[in-house]
Amino acid sequence: MEVGMLQQRAKMSWFKHGDQCSKFFFRKVRARRISQRIYQITDSTGATLTEASDIANEFVSYYQSLLGGSRVRRELDLGFLQPGLHHRLSQDEATALIAVVTDSEIQEALFDISEDSAPGPDGYSSAFFKAAWSAIGAQVAKQFGSSFSRADF
C-alpha cells in the first residue's frame, strides 16, 4: 500500500510530525485492522455465522432486503414541529440566508478545515489549498461562489 493510504487508514496525527513507515507504524495499521474485523454475526434466523464469506453474504443480503424491498408509506406526524412554527425570520435573517458568499468567507471556511482531514473527491487535501492559496485562491473562490449561486455542489 502507498504511504498516503496507510496514513489515512491509521488516522494518526503523529504521522505528519516526521514519523517514518516503521515497524511501529505497520503494527498500528495491523492492530487497527484486527480491532475492526467482524468475527461473527447472527443472521435473521438466529444462526451464528463465523466464516468471512458467510458474514459478507449476510451483510449483502440484509442491506438488499433493507434497501431493495417494497416501500411502505407511513403517515408522518409533524406535531413536533409545531412549537417552532411560530417563529418567522426577520427581514435581516432572510436577507443573510440569500446573501452572496464572499471570497473571504470561502477562504475562512477552507482554512478552518484541519490539515489532517481526508482529501476531497478531487484527491487534494485542505493542506494543498492552504499552501497554494496565493496562486489558486481567486479561482477556487470563484468556483465555489458560482456553485453557491447556482446551488450546484
C-alpha atoms as a PDB file:
ATOM      1  CA  MET A   1       0.000   0.000   0.000  1.00  0.00           C
ATOM      2  CA  GLU A   2       1.187   3.510  -0.610  1.00  0.00           C
ATOM      3  CA  VAL A   3       2.139   5.677   2.356  1.00  0.00           C
ATOM      4  CA  GLY A   4      -0.722   8.169   1.880  1.00  0.00           C
ATOM      5  CA  MET A   5      -3.311   5.424   2.022  1.00  0.00           C
ATOM      6  CA  LEU A   6      -1.686   3.918   5.097  1.00  0.00           C
ATOM      7  CA  GLN A   7      -1.599   7.343   6.712  1.00  0.00           C
ATOM      8  CA  GLN A   8      -5.337   7.724   6.175  1.00  0.00           C
ATOM      9  CA  ARG A   9      -6.032   4.178   7.335  1.00  0.00           C
ATOM     10  CA  ALA A  10      -4.023   4.657  10.514  1.00  0.00           C
ATOM     11  CA  LYS A  11      -5.646   8.072  11.130  1.00  0.00           C
ATOM     12  CA  MET A  12      -2.795   9.208  13.334  1.00  0.00           C
ATOM     13  CA  SER A  13      -1.815  12.825  13.610  1.00  0.00           C
ATOM     14  CA  TRP A  14       1.720  11.876  14.638  1.00  0.00           C
ATOM     15  CA  PHE A  15       2.463  10.866  11.057  1.00  0.00           C
ATOM     16  CA  LYS A  16       2.699  14.494   9.950  1.00  0.00           C
ATOM     17  CA  HIS A  17       5.303  15.207  12.617  1.00  0.00           C
ATOM     18  CA  GLY A  18       8.024  13.168  10.964  1.00  0.00           C
ATOM     19  CA  ASP A  19       7.444   9.564  11.953  1.00  0.00           C
ATOM     20  CA  GLN A  20       8.553   7.127   9.309  1.00  0.00           C
ATOM     21  CA  CYS A  21       6.981   3.975   7.926  1.00  0.00           C
ATOM     22  CA  SER A  22       8.472   1.919  10.721  1.00  0.00           C
ATOM     23  CA  LYS A  23       7.575  -1.408  12.287  1.00  0.00           C
ATOM     24  CA  PHE A  24       5.642   0.581  14.861  1.00  0.00           C
ATOM     25  CA  PHE A  25       3.577   2.269  12.144  1.00  0.00           C
ATOM     26  CA  PHE A  26       2.735  -1.007  10.402  1.00  0.00           C
ATOM     27  CA  ARG A  27       1.924  -2.679  13.737  1.00  0.00           C
ATOM     28  CA  LYS A  28      -0.545   0.133  14.414  1.00  0.00           C
ATOM     29  CA  VAL A  29      -2.165  -0.392  10.998  1.00  0.00           C
ATOM     30  CA  ARG A  30      -2.401  -4.148  11.595  1.00  0.00           C
ATOM     31  CA  ALA A  31      -3.806  -3.659  15.111  1.00  0.00           C
ATOM     32  CA  ARG A  32      -6.443  -1.295  13.748  1.00  0.00           C
ATOM     33  CA  ARG A  33      -7.475  -3.813  11.080  1.00  0.00           C
ATOM     34  CA  ILE A  34      -7.747  -6.574  13.662  1.00  0.00           C
ATOM     35  CA  SER A  35      -9.773  -4.404  16.041  1.00  0.00           C
ATOM     36  CA  GLN A  36     -12.241  -3.530  13.279  1.00  0.00           C
ATOM     37  CA  ARG A  37     -12.699  -7.051  11.951  1.00  0.00           C
ATOM     38  CA  ILE A  38     -16.080  -8.683  12.400  1.00  0.00           C
ATOM     39  CA  TYR A  39     -15.563 -12.226  13.654  1.00  0.00           C
ATOM     40  CA  GLN A  40     -19.175 -13.340  13.900  1.00  0.00           C
ATOM     41  CA  ILE A  41     -22.732 -12.147  13.390  1.00  0.00           C
ATOM     42  CA  THR A  42     -26.184 -13.573  13.954  1.00  0.00           C
ATOM     43  CA  ASP A  43     -28.329 -13.834  10.838  1.00  0.00           C
ATOM     44  CA  SER A  44     -32.074 -13.233  10.537  1.00  0.00           C
ATOM     45  CA  THR A  45     -32.840 -16.856  11.509  1.00  0.00           C
ATOM     46  CA  GLY A  46     -30.744 -16.655  14.674  1.00  0.00           C
ATOM     47  CA  ALA A  47     -27.823 -18.719  13.353  1.00  0.00           C
ATOM     48  CA  THR A  48     -24.314 -17.561  14.218  1.00  0.00           C
ATOM     49  CA  LEU A  49     -22.068 -17.040  11.202  1.00  0.00           C
ATOM     50  CA  THR A  50     -18.281 -17.138  11.615  1.00  0.00           C
ATOM     51  CA  GLU A  51     -16.920 -17.683   8.094  1.00  0.00           C
ATOM     52  CA  ALA A  52     -15.834 -14.455   6.381  1.00  0.00           C
ATOM     53  CA  SER A  53     -17.725 -15.300   3.186  1.00  0.00           C
ATOM     54  CA  ASP A  54     -20.931 -16.113   5.117  1.00  0.00           C
ATOM     55  CA  ILE A  55     -20.649 -12.862   7.069  1.00  0.00           C
ATOM     56  CA  ALA A  56     -20.132 -10.868   3.865  1.00  0.00           C
ATOM     57  CA  ASN A  57     -23.089 -12.576   2.169  1.00  0.00           C
ATOM     58  CA  GLU A  58     -25.320 -11.908   5.182  1.00  0.00           C
ATOM     59  CA  PHE A  59     -24.443  -8.201   5.131  1.00  0.00           C
ATOM     60  CA  VAL A  60     -25.236  -8.011   1.419  1.00  0.00           C
ATOM     61  CA  SER A  61     -28.496  -9.896   1.917  1.00  0.00           C
ATOM     62  CA  TYR A  62     -29.511  -7.713   4.853  1.00  0.00           C
ATOM     63  CA  TYR A  63     -28.942  -4.440   3.019  1.00  0.00           C
ATOM     64  CA  GLN A  64     -30.556  -5.705  -0.175  1.00  0.00           C
ATOM     65  CA  SER A  65     -33.701  -6.537   1.765  1.00  0.00           C
ATOM     66  CA  LEU A  66     -33.490  -3.272   3.675  1.00  0.00           C
ATOM     67  CA  LEU A  67     -32.907  -1.039   0.656  1.00  0.00           C
ATOM     68  CA  GLY A  68     -34.400  -3.067  -2.147  1.00  0.00           C
ATOM     69  CA  GLY A  69     -37.648  -4.127  -0.542  1.00  0.00           C
ATOM     70  CA  SER A  70     -41.063  -2.701  -1.218  1.00  0.00           C
ATOM     71  CA  ARG A  71     -41.650   0.805   0.005  1.00  0.00           C
ATOM     72  CA  VAL A  72     -44.042   1.258   2.858  1.00  0.00           C
ATOM     73  CA  ARG A  73     -45.830   4.559   3.002  1.00  0.00           C
ATOM     74  CA  ARG A  74     -46.254   5.804   6.530  1.00  0.00           C
ATOM     75  CA  GLU A  75     -48.149   8.773   7.846  1.00  0.00           C
ATOM     76  CA  LEU A  76     -45.708  11.371   9.113  1.00  0.00           C
ATOM     77  CA  ASP A  77     -46.537  13.129  12.368  1.00  0.00           C
ATOM     78  CA  LEU A  78     -45.230  16.681  12.148  1.00  0.00           C
ATOM     79  CA  GLY A  79     -46.615  17.672  15.536  1.00  0.00           C
ATOM     80  CA  PHE A  80     -43.132  18.034  16.974  1.00  0.00           C
ATOM     81  CA  LEU A  81     -42.558  20.941  14.562  1.00  0.00           C
ATOM     82  CA  GLN A  82     -45.490  22.979  15.865  1.00  0.00           C
ATOM     83  CA  PRO A  83     -43.570  24.878  18.592  1.00  0.00           C
ATOM     84  CA  GLY A  84     -41.065  26.204  16.056  1.00  0.00           C
ATOM     85  CA  LEU A  85     -43.639  27.297  13.505  1.00  0.00           C
ATOM     86  CA  HIS A  86     -44.428  30.448  15.441  1.00  0.00           C
ATOM     87  CA  HIS A  87     -41.006  31.934  14.766  1.00  0.00           C
ATOM     88  CA  ARG A  88     -40.626  33.747  11.497  1.00  0.00           C
ATOM     89  CA  LEU A  89     -37.384  35.028  10.097  1.00  0.00           C
ATOM     90  CA  SER A  90     -36.841  38.733  10.290  1.00  0.00           C
ATOM     91  CA  GLN A  91     -36.056  40.544   7.066  1.00  0.00           C
ATOM     92  CA  ASP A  92     -32.385  40.738   8.106  1.00  0.00           C
ATOM     93  CA  GLU A  93     -32.241  36.972   8.795  1.00  0.00           C
ATOM     94  CA  ALA A  94     -33.888  36.171   5.468  1.00  0.00           C
ATOM     95  CA  THR A  95     -31.531  38.506   3.619  1.00  0.00           C
ATOM     96  CA  ALA A  96     -28.495  36.928   5.320  1.00  0.00           C
ATOM     97  CA  LEU A  97     -29.588  33.468   4.136  1.00  0.00           C
ATOM     98  CA  ILE A  98     -29.642  34.507   0.489  1.00  0.00           C
ATOM     99  CA  ALA A  99     -26.618  36.814   0.583  1.00  0.00           C
ATOM    100  CA  VAL A 100     -23.752  36.159  -1.810  1.00  0.00           C
ATOM    101  CA  VAL A 101     -20.932  34.181  -0.205  1.00  0.00           C
ATOM    102  CA  THR A 102     -17.791  36.318  -0.203  1.00  0.00           C
ATOM    103  CA  ASP A 103     -14.292  35.209  -1.164  1.00  0.00           C
ATOM    104  CA  SER A 104     -13.097  35.881   2.377  1.00  0.00           C
ATOM    105  CA  GLU A 105     -15.854  33.636   3.802  1.00  0.00           C
ATOM    106  CA  ILE A 106     -14.786  30.853   1.444  1.00  0.00           C
ATOM    107  CA  GLN A 107     -11.136  31.279   2.438  1.00  0.00           C
ATOM    108  CA  GLU A 108     -12.021  31.368   6.132  1.00  0.00           C
ATOM    109  CA  ALA A 109     -14.098  28.175   5.840  1.00  0.00           C
ATOM    110  CA  LEU A 110     -11.310  26.389   3.966  1.00  0.00           C
ATOM    111  CA  PHE A 111      -8.642  27.491   6.429  1.00  0.00           C
ATOM    112  CA  ASP A 112     -10.788  26.199   9.322  1.00  0.00           C
ATOM    113  CA  ILE A 113     -10.528  22.631   7.955  1.00  0.00           C
ATOM    114  CA  SER A 114      -7.884  20.509   9.677  1.00  0.00           C
ATOM    115  CA  GLU A 115      -4.881  19.686   7.517  1.00  0.00           C
ATOM    116  CA  ASP A 116      -5.154  16.080   8.698  1.00  0.00           C
ATOM    117  CA  SER A 117      -8.653  15.635   7.293  1.00  0.00           C
ATOM    118  CA  ALA A 118      -9.176  13.252   4.411  1.00  0.00           C
ATOM    119  CA  PRO A 119      -8.817  14.635   0.889  1.00  0.00           C
ATOM    120  CA  GLY A 120     -11.886  15.552  -1.086  1.00  0.00           C
ATOM    121  CA  PRO A 121     -13.157  13.766  -4.190  1.00  0.00           C
ATOM    122  CA  ASP A 122     -10.549  15.611  -6.253  1.00  0.00           C
ATOM    123  CA  GLY A 123      -7.768  14.000  -4.187  1.00  0.00           C
ATOM    124  CA  TYR A 124      -6.482  17.278  -2.761  1.00  0.00           C
ATOM    125  CA  SER A 125      -6.373  17.902   0.981  1.00  0.00           C
ATOM    126  CA  SER A 126      -7.046  21.207   2.683  1.00  0.00           C
ATOM    127  CA  ALA A 127      -3.276  21.474   3.268  1.00  0.00           C
ATOM    128  CA  PHE A 128      -2.770  21.731  -0.503  1.00  0.00           C
ATOM    129  CA  PHE A 129      -5.335  24.511  -0.887  1.00  0.00           C
ATOM    130  CA  LYS A 130      -3.906  26.403   2.097  1.00  0.00           C
ATOM    131  CA  ALA A 131      -0.342  26.168   0.782  1.00  0.00           C
ATOM    132  CA  ALA A 132      -1.325  27.178  -2.757  1.00  0.00           C
ATOM    133  CA  TRP A 133      -3.953  29.782  -1.828  1.00  0.00           C
ATOM    134  CA  SER A 134      -1.910  32.737  -3.101  1.00  0.00           C
ATOM    135  CA  ALA A 135      -1.762  31.146  -6.558  1.00  0.00           C
ATOM    136  CA  ILE A 136      -5.174  29.468  -6.802  1.00  0.00           C
ATOM    137  CA  GLY A 137      -7.310  31.246  -4.201  1.00  0.00           C
ATOM    138  CA  ALA A 138      -9.101  33.580  -6.590  1.00  0.00           C
ATOM    139  CA  GLN A 139     -10.061  30.722  -8.931  1.00  0.00           C
ATOM    140  CA  VAL A 140     -11.149  28.460  -6.046  1.00  0.00           C
ATOM    141  CA  ALA A 141     -13.268  31.243  -4.536  1.00  0.00           C
ATOM    142  CA  LYS A 142     -14.801  31.988  -7.946  1.00  0.00           C
ATOM    143  CA  GLN A 143     -15.681  28.312  -8.473  1.00  0.00           C
ATOM    144  CA  PHE A 144     -17.210  27.931  -5.018  1.00  0.00           C
ATOM    145  CA  GLY A 145     -19.010  31.252  -5.341  1.00  0.00           C
ATOM    146  CA  SER A 146     -20.620  30.218  -8.616  1.00  0.00           C
ATOM    147  CA  SER A 147     -21.579  26.852  -7.095  1.00  0.00           C
ATOM    148  CA  PHE A 148     -23.314  28.640  -4.234  1.00  0.00           C
ATOM    149  CA  SER A 149     -25.199  30.955  -6.560  1.00  0.00           C
ATOM    150  CA  ARG A 150     -26.381  28.019  -8.707  1.00  0.00           C
ATOM    151  CA  ALA A 151     -26.932  25.770  -5.646  1.00  0.00           C
ATOM    152  CA  ASP A 152     -24.871  23.175  -7.517  1.00  0.00           C
ATOM    153  CA  PHE A 153     -22.380  21.352  -5.340  1.00  0.00           C
END
